[in-house]
C-alpha atoms as a PDB file:
ATOM      1  CA  UNK A   1      36.617 -45.656 111.175  1.00  0.00           C
ATOM      2  CA  UNK A   2      35.610 -44.079 107.867  1.00  0.00           C
ATOM      3  CA  UNK A   3      32.386 -42.167 107.919  1.00  0.00           C
ATOM      4  CA  UNK A   4      29.506 -43.463 105.877  1.00  0.00           C
ATOM      5  CA  UNK A   5      29.171 -41.858 102.468  1.00  0.00           C
ATOM      6  CA  UNK A   6      26.661 -42.314  99.693  1.00  0.00           C
ATOM      7  CA  UNK A   7      27.484 -42.963  96.074  1.00  0.00           C
ATOM      8  CA  UNK A   8      29.387 -39.966  94.783  1.00  0.00           C
ATOM      9  CA  UNK A   9      28.894 -38.239  98.151  1.00  0.00           C
ATOM     10  CA  UNK A  10      31.305 -35.999 100.004  1.00  0.00           C
ATOM     11  CA  UNK A  11      34.028 -37.638 102.027  1.00  0.00           C
ATOM     12  CA  UNK A  12      34.117 -37.296 105.796  1.00  0.00           C
ATOM     13  CA  UNK A  13      37.251 -36.810 107.850  1.00  0.00           C
ATOM     14  CA  UNK A  14      37.493 -40.528 108.512  1.00  0.00           C
ATOM     15  CA  UNK A  15      37.448 -41.332 104.831  1.00  0.00           C
ATOM     16  CA  UNK A  16      40.218 -38.852 104.062  1.00  0.00           C
ATOM     17  CA  UNK A  17      42.323 -40.433 106.813  1.00  0.00           C
ATOM     18  CA  UNK A  18      41.896 -43.753 105.044  1.00  0.00           C
ATOM     19  CA  UNK A  19      42.845 -42.112 101.739  1.00  0.00           C
ATOM     20  CA  UNK A  20      46.097 -40.944 103.362  1.00  0.00           C
ATOM     21  CA  UNK A  21      46.664 -44.436 104.737  1.00  0.00           C
ATOM     22  CA  UNK A  22      46.064 -45.933 101.287  1.00  0.00           C
ATOM     23  CA  UNK A  23      48.506 -43.528  99.651  1.00  0.00           C
ATOM     24  CA  UNK A  24      51.232 -44.267 102.195  1.00  0.00           C
ATOM     25  CA  UNK A  25      50.787 -48.024 101.937  1.00  0.00           C
ATOM     26  CA  UNK A  26      50.775 -48.125  98.127  1.00  0.00           C
ATOM     27  CA  UNK A  27      53.532 -45.525  97.662  1.00  0.00           C
ATOM     28  CA  UNK A  28      55.836 -47.594  99.864  1.00  0.00           C
ATOM     29  CA  UNK A  29      55.614 -50.327  97.215  1.00  0.00           C
ATOM     30  CA  UNK A  30      55.575 -48.156  94.100  1.00  0.00           C
ATOM     31  CA  UNK A  31      56.755 -44.518  94.175  1.00  0.00           C
ATOM     32  CA  UNK A  32      54.711 -43.788  91.035  1.00  0.00           C
ATOM     33  CA  UNK A  33      51.625 -43.783  93.282  1.00  0.00           C
ATOM     34  CA  UNK A  34      52.561 -40.222  94.231  1.00  0.00           C
ATOM     35  CA  UNK A  35      51.280 -39.197  90.775  1.00  0.00           C
ATOM     36  CA  UNK A  36      47.752 -40.342  91.674  1.00  0.00           C
ATOM     37  CA  UNK A  37      45.513 -37.548  92.993  1.00  0.00           C
ATOM     38  CA  UNK A  38      43.454 -37.858  96.159  1.00  0.00           C
ATOM     39  CA  UNK A  39      40.105 -37.997  94.361  1.00  0.00           C
ATOM     40  CA  UNK A  40      41.288 -41.012  92.381  1.00  0.00           C
ATOM     41  CA  UNK A  41      42.631 -42.617  95.556  1.00  0.00           C
ATOM     42  CA  UNK A  42      39.211 -42.117  97.121  1.00  0.00           C
ATOM     43  CA  UNK A  43      37.505 -43.904  94.229  1.00  0.00           C
ATOM     44  CA  UNK A  44      39.798 -46.923  94.619  1.00  0.00           C
ATOM     45  CA  UNK A  45      39.105 -46.924  98.358  1.00  0.00           C
ATOM     46  CA  UNK A  46      35.349 -46.823  97.804  1.00  0.00           C
ATOM     47  CA  UNK A  47      35.572 -49.535  95.161  1.00  0.00           C
ATOM     48  CA  UNK A  48      36.952 -51.852  97.839  1.00  0.00           C
ATOM     49  CA  UNK A  49      34.488 -50.813 100.554  1.00  0.00           C
ATOM     50  CA  UNK A  50      37.145 -48.822 102.404  1.00  0.00           C
ATOM     51  CA  UNK A  51      39.394 -51.859 102.886  1.00  0.00           C
ATOM     52  CA  UNK A  52      42.798 -50.183 102.619  1.00  0.00           C
ATOM     53  CA  UNK A  53      44.735 -53.379 101.888  1.00  0.00           C
ATOM     54  CA  UNK A  54      42.406 -54.417  99.071  1.00  0.00           C
ATOM     55  CA  UNK A  55      42.317 -50.872  97.690  1.00  0.00           C
ATOM     56  CA  UNK A  56      46.129 -50.741  97.752  1.00  0.00           C
ATOM     57  CA  UNK A  57      46.387 -53.961  95.742  1.00  0.00           C
ATOM     58  CA  UNK A  58      43.912 -52.605  93.198  1.00  0.00           C
ATOM     59  CA  UNK A  59      45.699 -49.260  93.010  1.00  0.00           C
ATOM     60  CA  UNK A  60      49.147 -50.819  92.511  1.00  0.00           C
ATOM     61  CA  UNK A  61      47.789 -52.948  89.675  1.00  0.00           C
ATOM     62  CA  UNK A  62      46.322 -49.807  88.083  1.00  0.00           C
ATOM     63  CA  UNK A  63      49.575 -47.827  88.314  1.00  0.00           C
ATOM     64  CA  UNK A  64      51.598 -50.695  86.806  1.00  0.00           C
ATOM     65  CA  UNK A  65      49.031 -51.146  84.010  1.00  0.00           C
ATOM     66  CA  UNK A  66      48.949 -47.436  83.256  1.00  0.00           C
ATOM     67  CA  UNK A  67      52.726 -47.304  82.806  1.00  0.00           C
ATOM     68  CA  UNK A  68      52.510 -50.113  80.254  1.00  0.00           C
ATOM     69  CA  UNK A  69      49.294 -49.120  78.475  1.00  0.00           C
ATOM     70  CA  UNK A  70      49.464 -45.343  78.179  1.00  0.00           C
ATOM     71  CA  UNK A  71      52.312 -43.074  77.076  1.00  0.00           C
ATOM     72  CA  UNK A  72      53.185 -40.957  80.098  1.00  0.00           C
ATOM     73  CA  UNK A  73      51.708 -43.430  82.576  1.00  0.00           C
ATOM     74  CA  UNK A  74      49.398 -42.079  85.273  1.00  0.00           C
ATOM     75  CA  UNK A  75      49.742 -38.495  84.096  1.00  0.00           C
ATOM     76  CA  UNK A  76      49.498 -39.312  80.387  1.00  0.00           C
ATOM     77  CA  UNK A  77      46.600 -39.700  77.979  1.00  0.00           C
ATOM     78  CA  UNK A  78      45.981 -42.134  75.165  1.00  0.00           C
ATOM     79  CA  UNK A  79      46.904 -40.290  71.934  1.00  0.00           C
ATOM     80  CA  UNK A  80      44.417 -40.341  69.083  1.00  0.00           C
ATOM     81  CA  UNK A  81      47.135 -41.548  66.719  1.00  0.00           C
ATOM     82  CA  UNK A  82      47.063 -44.934  68.442  1.00  0.00           C
ATOM     83  CA  UNK A  83      43.315 -45.390  67.866  1.00  0.00           C
ATOM     84  CA  UNK A  84      42.895 -43.724  64.495  1.00  0.00           C
ATOM     85  CA  UNK A  85      41.376 -46.771  62.801  1.00  0.00           C
ATOM     86  CA  UNK A  86      38.851 -47.242  65.603  1.00  0.00           C
ATOM     87  CA  UNK A  87      37.969 -43.540  65.625  1.00  0.00           C
ATOM     88  CA  UNK A  88      37.352 -43.573  61.887  1.00  0.00           C
ATOM     89  CA  UNK A  89      34.579 -46.136  62.398  1.00  0.00           C
ATOM     90  CA  UNK A  90      32.525 -43.726  64.538  1.00  0.00           C
ATOM     91  CA  UNK A  91      31.865 -46.261  67.298  1.00  0.00           C
ATOM     92  CA  UNK A  92      31.353 -43.653  70.004  1.00  0.00           C
ATOM     93  CA  UNK A  93      30.508 -39.987  70.489  1.00  0.00           C
ATOM     94  CA  UNK A  94      30.452 -37.541  73.365  1.00  0.00           C
ATOM     95  CA  UNK A  95      27.039 -36.261  74.419  1.00  0.00           C
ATOM     96  CA  UNK A  96      25.924 -33.559  76.823  1.00  0.00           C
ATOM     97  CA  UNK A  97      25.213 -33.982  80.530  1.00  0.00           C
ATOM     98  CA  UNK A  98      22.431 -35.614  82.526  1.00  0.00           C
ATOM     99  CA  UNK A  99      20.398 -33.953  85.266  1.00  0.00           C
ATOM    100  CA  UNK A 100      23.034 -34.887  87.856  1.00  0.00           C
ATOM    101  CA  UNK A 101      25.729 -33.102  85.842  1.00  0.00           C
ATOM    102  CA  UNK A 102      27.345 -36.327  84.652  1.00  0.00           C
ATOM    103  CA  UNK A 103      28.793 -36.176  81.121  1.00  0.00           C
ATOM    104  CA  UNK A 104      27.282 -38.618  78.633  1.00  0.00           C
ATOM    105  CA  UNK A 105      29.138 -41.075  76.419  1.00  0.00           C
ATOM    106  CA  UNK A 106      27.308 -42.674  73.483  1.00  0.00           C
ATOM    107  CA  UNK A 107      28.486 -46.056  72.174  1.00  0.00           C
ATOM    108  CA  UNK A 108      27.325 -47.830  69.006  1.00  0.00           C
ATOM    109  CA  UNK A 109      28.230 -51.563  69.083  1.00  0.00           C
ATOM    110  CA  UNK A 110      26.638 -52.155  65.656  1.00  0.00           C
ATOM    111  CA  UNK A 111      29.612 -50.319  64.150  1.00  0.00           C
ATOM    112  CA  UNK A 112      32.009 -52.867  65.629  1.00  0.00           C
ATOM    113  CA  UNK A 113      32.690 -56.002  63.589  1.00  0.00           C
ATOM    114  CA  UNK A 114      34.422 -58.914  65.268  1.00  0.00           C
ATOM    115  CA  UNK A 115      36.046 -60.129  62.046  1.00  0.00           C
ATOM    116  CA  UNK A 116      37.876 -56.809  61.625  1.00  0.00           C
ATOM    117  CA  UNK A 117      38.717 -56.235  65.266  1.00  0.00           C
ATOM    118  CA  UNK A 118      42.286 -55.671  66.422  1.00  0.00           C
ATOM    119  CA  UNK A 119      42.136 -56.436  70.160  1.00  0.00           C
ATOM    120  CA  UNK A 120      45.106 -54.248  71.062  1.00  0.00           C
ATOM    121  CA  UNK A 121      43.635 -51.202  69.329  1.00  0.00           C
ATOM    122  CA  UNK A 122      40.190 -51.996  70.726  1.00  0.00           C
ATOM    123  CA  UNK A 123      41.608 -51.857  74.252  1.00  0.00           C
ATOM    124  CA  UNK A 124      43.369 -48.598  73.439  1.00  0.00           C
ATOM    125  CA  UNK A 125      40.056 -47.164  72.213  1.00  0.00           C
ATOM    126  CA  UNK A 126      38.387 -48.126  75.486  1.00  0.00           C
ATOM    127  CA  UNK A 127      41.120 -46.297  77.403  1.00  0.00           C
ATOM    128  CA  UNK A 128      40.906 -43.316  75.036  1.00  0.00           C
ATOM    129  CA  UNK A 129      37.134 -43.035  75.538  1.00  0.00           C
ATOM    130  CA  UNK A 130      37.285 -43.486  79.299  1.00  0.00           C
ATOM    131  CA  UNK A 131      40.037 -40.871  79.555  1.00  0.00           C
ATOM    132  CA  UNK A 132      38.039 -38.454  77.393  1.00  0.00           C
ATOM    133  CA  UNK A 133      34.786 -38.842  79.292  1.00  0.00           C
ATOM    134  CA  UNK A 134      36.526 -38.777  82.688  1.00  0.00           C
ATOM    135  CA  UNK A 135      38.216 -35.502  81.768  1.00  0.00           C
ATOM    136  CA  UNK A 136      34.740 -33.994  81.264  1.00  0.00           C
ATOM    137  CA  UNK A 137      33.467 -34.940  84.726  1.00  0.00           C
ATOM    138  CA  UNK A 138      32.984 -31.687  86.658  1.00  0.00           C
ATOM    139  CA  UNK A 139      34.214 -30.924  90.143  1.00  0.00           C
ATOM    140  CA  UNK A 140      31.864 -32.368  92.731  1.00  0.00           C
ATOM    141  CA  UNK A 141      30.880 -35.281  90.487  1.00  0.00           C
ATOM    142  CA  UNK A 142      32.722 -38.615  90.107  1.00  0.00           C
ATOM    143  CA  UNK A 143      30.763 -40.414  87.435  1.00  0.00           C
ATOM    144  CA  UNK A 144      29.595 -40.431  83.832  1.00  0.00           C
ATOM    145  CA  UNK A 145      26.535 -41.821  82.085  1.00  0.00           C
ATOM    146  CA  UNK A 146      26.684 -44.076  79.042  1.00  0.00           C
ATOM    147  CA  UNK A 147      24.072 -44.710  76.351  1.00  0.00           C
ATOM    148  CA  UNK A 148      24.764 -48.011  74.597  1.00  0.00           C
ATOM    149  CA  UNK A 149      22.738 -47.915  71.384  1.00  0.00           C
ATOM    150  CA  UNK A 150      22.424 -51.389  69.853  1.00  0.00           C
ATOM    151  CA  UNK A 151      20.290 -50.382  66.867  1.00  0.00           C
ATOM    152  CA  UNK A 152      21.238 -52.546  63.902  1.00  0.00           C
ATOM    153  CA  UNK A 153      23.285 -54.990  65.992  1.00  0.00           C
ATOM    154  CA  UNK A 154      23.577 -58.508  64.557  1.00  0.00           C
ATOM    155  CA  UNK A 155      25.722 -61.612  64.807  1.00  0.00           C
ATOM    156  CA  UNK A 156      28.490 -60.000  62.746  1.00  0.00           C
ATOM    157  CA  UNK A 157      28.848 -57.425  65.519  1.00  0.00           C
ATOM    158  CA  UNK A 158      28.919 -59.945  68.361  1.00  0.00           C
ATOM    159  CA  UNK A 159      32.310 -59.916  70.064  1.00  0.00           C
ATOM    160  CA  UNK A 160      32.120 -61.238  73.600  1.00  0.00           C
ATOM    161  CA  UNK A 161      35.883 -61.132  74.096  1.00  0.00           C
ATOM    162  CA  UNK A 162      35.952 -57.434  73.199  1.00  0.00           C
ATOM    163  CA  UNK A 163      33.005 -56.668  75.490  1.00  0.00           C
ATOM    164  CA  UNK A 164      34.630 -58.467  78.413  1.00  0.00           C
ATOM    165  CA  UNK A 165      37.918 -56.669  77.778  1.00  0.00           C
ATOM    166  CA  UNK A 166      36.153 -53.299  77.876  1.00  0.00           C
ATOM    167  CA  UNK A 167      34.324 -54.135  81.097  1.00  0.00           C
ATOM    168  CA  UNK A 168      37.492 -55.412  82.770  1.00  0.00           C
ATOM    169  CA  UNK A 169      39.351 -52.205  81.892  1.00  0.00           C
ATOM    170  CA  UNK A 170      36.528 -50.047  83.218  1.00  0.00           C
ATOM    171  CA  UNK A 171      36.087 -52.043  86.425  1.00  0.00           C
ATOM    172  CA  UNK A 172      39.750 -52.561  87.182  1.00  0.00           C
ATOM    173  CA  UNK A 173      41.233 -49.216  86.214  1.00  0.00           C
ATOM    174  CA  UNK A 174      38.338 -46.722  86.291  1.00  0.00           C
ATOM    175  CA  UNK A 175      36.498 -47.739  89.467  1.00  0.00           C
ATOM    176  CA  UNK A 176      33.480 -45.769  90.600  1.00  0.00           C
ATOM    177  CA  UNK A 177      33.331 -43.898  87.276  1.00  0.00           C
ATOM    178  CA  UNK A 178      30.266 -45.458  85.639  1.00  0.00           C
ATOM    179  CA  UNK A 179      27.078 -43.985  87.054  1.00  0.00           C
ATOM    180  CA  UNK A 180      24.571 -45.622  84.734  1.00  0.00           C
ATOM    181  CA  UNK A 181      24.522 -47.348  81.343  1.00  0.00           C
ATOM    182  CA  UNK A 182      21.276 -47.148  79.389  1.00  0.00           C
ATOM    183  CA  UNK A 183      21.004 -50.066  76.965  1.00  0.00           C
ATOM    184  CA  UNK A 184      18.718 -48.917  74.149  1.00  0.00           C
ATOM    185  CA  UNK A 185      17.358 -50.408  70.909  1.00  0.00           C
ATOM    186  CA  UNK A 186      18.361 -53.831  72.201  1.00  0.00           C
ATOM    187  CA  UNK A 187      17.602 -56.678  69.769  1.00  0.00           C
ATOM    188  CA  UNK A 188      16.549 -59.993  71.258  1.00  0.00           C
ATOM    189  CA  UNK A 189      19.571 -61.800  69.811  1.00  0.00           C
ATOM    190  CA  UNK A 190      21.924 -59.531  71.774  1.00  0.00           C
ATOM    191  CA  UNK A 191      20.786 -61.166  75.006  1.00  0.00           C
ATOM    192  CA  UNK A 192      22.685 -64.334  74.062  1.00  0.00           C
ATOM    193  CA  UNK A 193      25.930 -62.359  74.054  1.00  0.00           C
ATOM    194  CA  UNK A 194      24.904 -60.483  77.206  1.00  0.00           C
ATOM    195  CA  UNK A 195      24.437 -63.746  79.107  1.00  0.00           C
ATOM    196  CA  UNK A 196      28.074 -64.612  78.375  1.00  0.00           C
ATOM    197  CA  UNK A 197      29.315 -61.173  79.414  1.00  0.00           C
ATOM    198  CA  UNK A 198      27.173 -60.802  82.542  1.00  0.00           C
ATOM    199  CA  UNK A 199      29.207 -63.112  84.843  1.00  0.00           C
ATOM    200  CA  UNK A 200      32.272 -60.904  84.291  1.00  0.00           C
ATOM    201  CA  UNK A 201      30.507 -57.801  85.601  1.00  0.00           C
ATOM    202  CA  UNK A 202      31.021 -56.959  89.280  1.00  0.00           C
ATOM    203  CA  UNK A 203      27.935 -57.307  91.429  1.00  0.00           C
ATOM    204  CA  UNK A 204      27.889 -53.591  92.262  1.00  0.00           C
ATOM    205  CA  UNK A 205      28.201 -52.697  88.573  1.00  0.00           C
ATOM    206  CA  UNK A 206      25.443 -54.952  87.262  1.00  0.00           C
ATOM    207  CA  UNK A 207      22.683 -52.737  88.628  1.00  0.00           C
ATOM    208  CA  UNK A 208      24.083 -49.804  86.664  1.00  0.00           C
ATOM    209  CA  UNK A 209      23.098 -51.421  83.349  1.00  0.00           C
ATOM    210  CA  UNK A 210      19.490 -50.498  82.594  1.00  0.00           C
ATOM    211  CA  UNK A 211      17.706 -52.040  79.606  1.00  0.00           C
ATOM    212  CA  UNK A 212      15.216 -49.594  78.130  1.00  0.00           C
ATOM    213  CA  UNK A 213      12.252 -50.705  75.985  1.00  0.00           C
ATOM    214  CA  UNK A 214      11.841 -48.727  72.773  1.00  0.00           C
ATOM    215  CA  UNK A 215       8.398 -47.557  73.897  1.00  0.00           C
ATOM    216  CA  UNK A 216       9.923 -46.043  77.042  1.00  0.00           C
ATOM    217  CA  UNK A 217      13.038 -44.557  75.465  1.00  0.00           C
ATOM    218  CA  UNK A 218      11.836 -40.977  75.026  1.00  0.00           C
ATOM    219  CA  UNK A 219      10.370 -40.832  78.521  1.00  0.00           C
ATOM    220  CA  UNK A 220      13.510 -42.350  80.045  1.00  0.00           C
ATOM    221  CA  UNK A 221      15.883 -39.942  78.318  1.00  0.00           C
ATOM    222  CA  UNK A 222      13.829 -36.919  79.338  1.00  0.00           C
ATOM    223  CA  UNK A 223      13.770 -38.157  82.894  1.00  0.00           C
ATOM    224  CA  UNK A 224      17.549 -38.554  82.876  1.00  0.00           C
ATOM    225  CA  UNK A 225      18.419 -35.306  81.101  1.00  0.00           C
ATOM    226  CA  UNK A 226      17.007 -31.948  80.099  1.00  0.00           C
ATOM    227  CA  UNK A 227      15.599 -31.789  76.557  1.00  0.00           C
ATOM    228  CA  UNK A 228      18.453 -29.480  75.588  1.00  0.00           C
ATOM    229  CA  UNK A 229      20.840 -32.331  76.455  1.00  0.00           C
ATOM    230  CA  UNK A 230      18.950 -35.162  74.743  1.00  0.00           C
ATOM    231  CA  UNK A 231      20.718 -36.030  71.457  1.00  0.00           C
ATOM    232  CA  UNK A 232      18.922 -35.098  68.252  1.00  0.00           C
ATOM    233  CA  UNK A 233      18.945 -38.744  67.169  1.00  0.00           C
ATOM    234  CA  UNK A 234      16.541 -39.429  70.055  1.00  0.00           C
ATOM    235  CA  UNK A 235      14.258 -36.490  69.392  1.00  0.00           C
ATOM    236  CA  UNK A 236      16.116 -33.966  71.526  1.00  0.00           C
ATOM    237  CA  UNK A 237      17.910 -30.748  70.701  1.00  0.00           C
ATOM    238  CA  UNK A 238      21.579 -31.616  71.166  1.00  0.00           C
ATOM    239  CA  UNK A 239      23.579 -32.220  67.975  1.00  0.00           C
ATOM    240  CA  UNK A 240      26.146 -35.003  68.406  1.00  0.00           C
ATOM    241  CA  UNK A 241      29.249 -34.780  66.265  1.00  0.00           C
ATOM    242  CA  UNK A 242      31.756 -37.584  65.589  1.00  0.00           C
ATOM    243  CA  UNK A 243      34.868 -37.664  67.743  1.00  0.00           C
ATOM    244  CA  UNK A 244      37.825 -35.672  66.494  1.00  0.00           C
ATOM    245  CA  UNK A 245      41.522 -36.082  67.207  1.00  0.00           C
ATOM    246  CA  UNK A 246      41.748 -33.102  69.565  1.00  0.00           C
END
């Protein structure tokens, strides 16, 4: 039986035995599973509460999706050329790290307009961002933090289908990656869209979304990260540059 482990904790011998069992079961159905590293296998196992059969089904779906969605499949990365329009709109930036060593991704939904959205490129952007932030996660850490800044968000930005698509990609293909999502500068009207999105969020993931009142923003950010890692736009010392194509 797998040993008990906390969120992001070290695996015990029992858990690694289950990882090996998962790899053997899934690889028997799809040889491309051999390209998946053990740390990723462990995340899929944990996402299904160490149920090897359920984790195998989830993993096989991921490997098949990756072959279709990303050049190079499991070992590939989403090229910037395929998301150039989305990148030009400055919808997201990479931040520093929080006190747990998790890299920080900043997202700005007010720069997304539903009328101009191309769903295929939107999904590619989600993959591009998740690949980028995951590549920054240091050894010994599994997760990243996200700051979702809704300042200036209005009805023209509301795009429930796009939000659900992003959440489904993250939950289905990047399990156990999101550590926490701070929702900041949230306008009241956004909660109407949130109520439509909420049912699509896994129970275990819902608690990771934390709505922060404006009056508590500075205190919350300084509790989550050192001042040197708080973005300048929130009164900290870290300059945040737009994403580049590298």
